[in-house]
């Protein structure tokens, strides 16, 4: 089983609310805890990133 790679793009800026990184769309806690997460936890985060990106880039 291969390890899930980080989605980090080395663009480390927080959104206006300080909730998500604008490079990878992870929370600060997810970025900080990435190396200690299981593959299942990483996969769960990865599954949420596209929706986060859409929400941040297309606010209602």
C-alpha atoms as a PDB file:
ATOM      1  CA  UNK A   1       0.000   0.000   0.000  1.00  0.00           C
ATOM      2  CA  UNK A   2       1.528   3.312  -1.046  1.00  0.00           C
ATOM      3  CA  UNK A   3       1.505   6.368   1.152  1.00  0.00           C
ATOM      4  CA  UNK A   4      -0.812   9.208   0.120  1.00  0.00           C
ATOM      5  CA  UNK A   5       1.352  12.157  -0.855  1.00  0.00           C
ATOM      6  CA  UNK A   6       0.786  15.625   0.523  1.00  0.00           C
ATOM      7  CA  UNK A   7      -1.279  18.000  -1.638  1.00  0.00           C
ATOM      8  CA  UNK A   8       1.055  20.848  -0.623  1.00  0.00           C
ATOM      9  CA  UNK A   9       1.897  23.237  -3.464  1.00  0.00           C
ATOM     10  CA  UNK A  10       4.220  25.373  -1.327  1.00  0.00           C
ATOM     11  CA  UNK A  11       1.714  28.242  -1.495  1.00  0.00           C
ATOM     12  CA  UNK A  12       1.143  28.675   2.221  1.00  0.00           C
ATOM     13  CA  UNK A  13      -1.433  31.425   2.636  1.00  0.00           C
ATOM     14  CA  UNK A  14      -4.588  31.271   4.716  1.00  0.00           C
ATOM     15  CA  UNK A  15      -7.997  32.291   3.421  1.00  0.00           C
ATOM     16  CA  UNK A  16      -9.647  35.464   4.737  1.00  0.00           C
ATOM     17  CA  UNK A  17     -11.198  33.565   7.654  1.00  0.00           C
ATOM     18  CA  UNK A  18      -7.898  31.895   8.539  1.00  0.00           C
ATOM     19  CA  UNK A  19      -9.445  28.477   8.125  1.00  0.00           C
ATOM     20  CA  UNK A  20      -7.875  26.925   5.014  1.00  0.00           C
ATOM     21  CA  UNK A  21      -4.578  27.113   3.159  1.00  0.00           C
ATOM     22  CA  UNK A  22      -5.108  28.680  -0.283  1.00  0.00           C
ATOM     23  CA  UNK A  23      -2.493  26.388  -1.813  1.00  0.00           C
ATOM     24  CA  UNK A  24      -3.756  22.979  -0.735  1.00  0.00           C
ATOM     25  CA  UNK A  25      -7.089  23.784   0.990  1.00  0.00           C
ATOM     26  CA  UNK A  26      -6.198  21.910   4.170  1.00  0.00           C
ATOM     27  CA  UNK A  27      -6.735  23.309   7.645  1.00  0.00           C
ATOM     28  CA  UNK A  28      -3.759  24.294   9.762  1.00  0.00           C
ATOM     29  CA  UNK A  29      -4.358  21.211  11.903  1.00  0.00           C
ATOM     30  CA  UNK A  30      -4.406  18.961   8.827  1.00  0.00           C
ATOM     31  CA  UNK A  31      -1.171  20.469   7.522  1.00  0.00           C
ATOM     32  CA  UNK A  32       0.519  20.080  10.905  1.00  0.00           C
ATOM     33  CA  UNK A  33      -0.743  16.557  11.493  1.00  0.00           C
ATOM     34  CA  UNK A  34      -0.303  15.184   7.963  1.00  0.00           C
ATOM     35  CA  UNK A  35       2.792  13.110   8.746  1.00  0.00           C
ATOM     36  CA  UNK A  36       1.094  11.370  11.662  1.00  0.00           C
ATOM     37  CA  UNK A  37      -2.212  10.639   9.857  1.00  0.00           C
ATOM     38  CA  UNK A  38      -3.121   7.195   8.640  1.00  0.00           C
ATOM     39  CA  UNK A  39      -3.722   6.621   4.933  1.00  0.00           C
ATOM     40  CA  UNK A  40      -7.453   6.504   5.690  1.00  0.00           C
ATOM     41  CA  UNK A  41      -7.320   9.892   7.410  1.00  0.00           C
ATOM     42  CA  UNK A  42      -5.290  11.361   4.550  1.00  0.00           C
ATOM     43  CA  UNK A  43      -7.725   9.940   1.998  1.00  0.00           C
ATOM     44  CA  UNK A  44     -10.607  11.523   3.902  1.00  0.00           C
ATOM     45  CA  UNK A  45      -8.898  14.917   3.810  1.00  0.00           C
ATOM     46  CA  UNK A  46      -8.072  14.522   0.118  1.00  0.00           C
ATOM     47  CA  UNK A  47     -11.740  13.744  -0.607  1.00  0.00           C
ATOM     48  CA  UNK A  48     -12.764  17.095   0.910  1.00  0.00           C
ATOM     49  CA  UNK A  49     -10.280  19.353  -0.883  1.00  0.00           C
ATOM     50  CA  UNK A  50     -12.165  19.937  -4.153  1.00  0.00           C
ATOM     51  CA  UNK A  51     -15.316  21.004  -2.306  1.00  0.00           C
ATOM     52  CA  UNK A  52     -13.318  23.324  -0.051  1.00  0.00           C
ATOM     53  CA  UNK A  53     -11.614  24.885  -3.058  1.00  0.00           C
ATOM     54  CA  UNK A  54     -14.973  25.466  -4.728  1.00  0.00           C
ATOM     55  CA  UNK A  55     -16.466  26.998  -1.576  1.00  0.00           C
ATOM     56  CA  UNK A  56     -13.521  29.342  -1.060  1.00  0.00           C
ATOM     57  CA  UNK A  57     -13.204  30.385  -4.694  1.00  0.00           C
ATOM     58  CA  UNK A  58     -16.964  30.724  -5.294  1.00  0.00           C
ATOM     59  CA  UNK A  59     -18.502  32.106  -2.093  1.00  0.00           C
ATOM     60  CA  UNK A  60     -22.259  32.607  -2.059  1.00  0.00           C
END
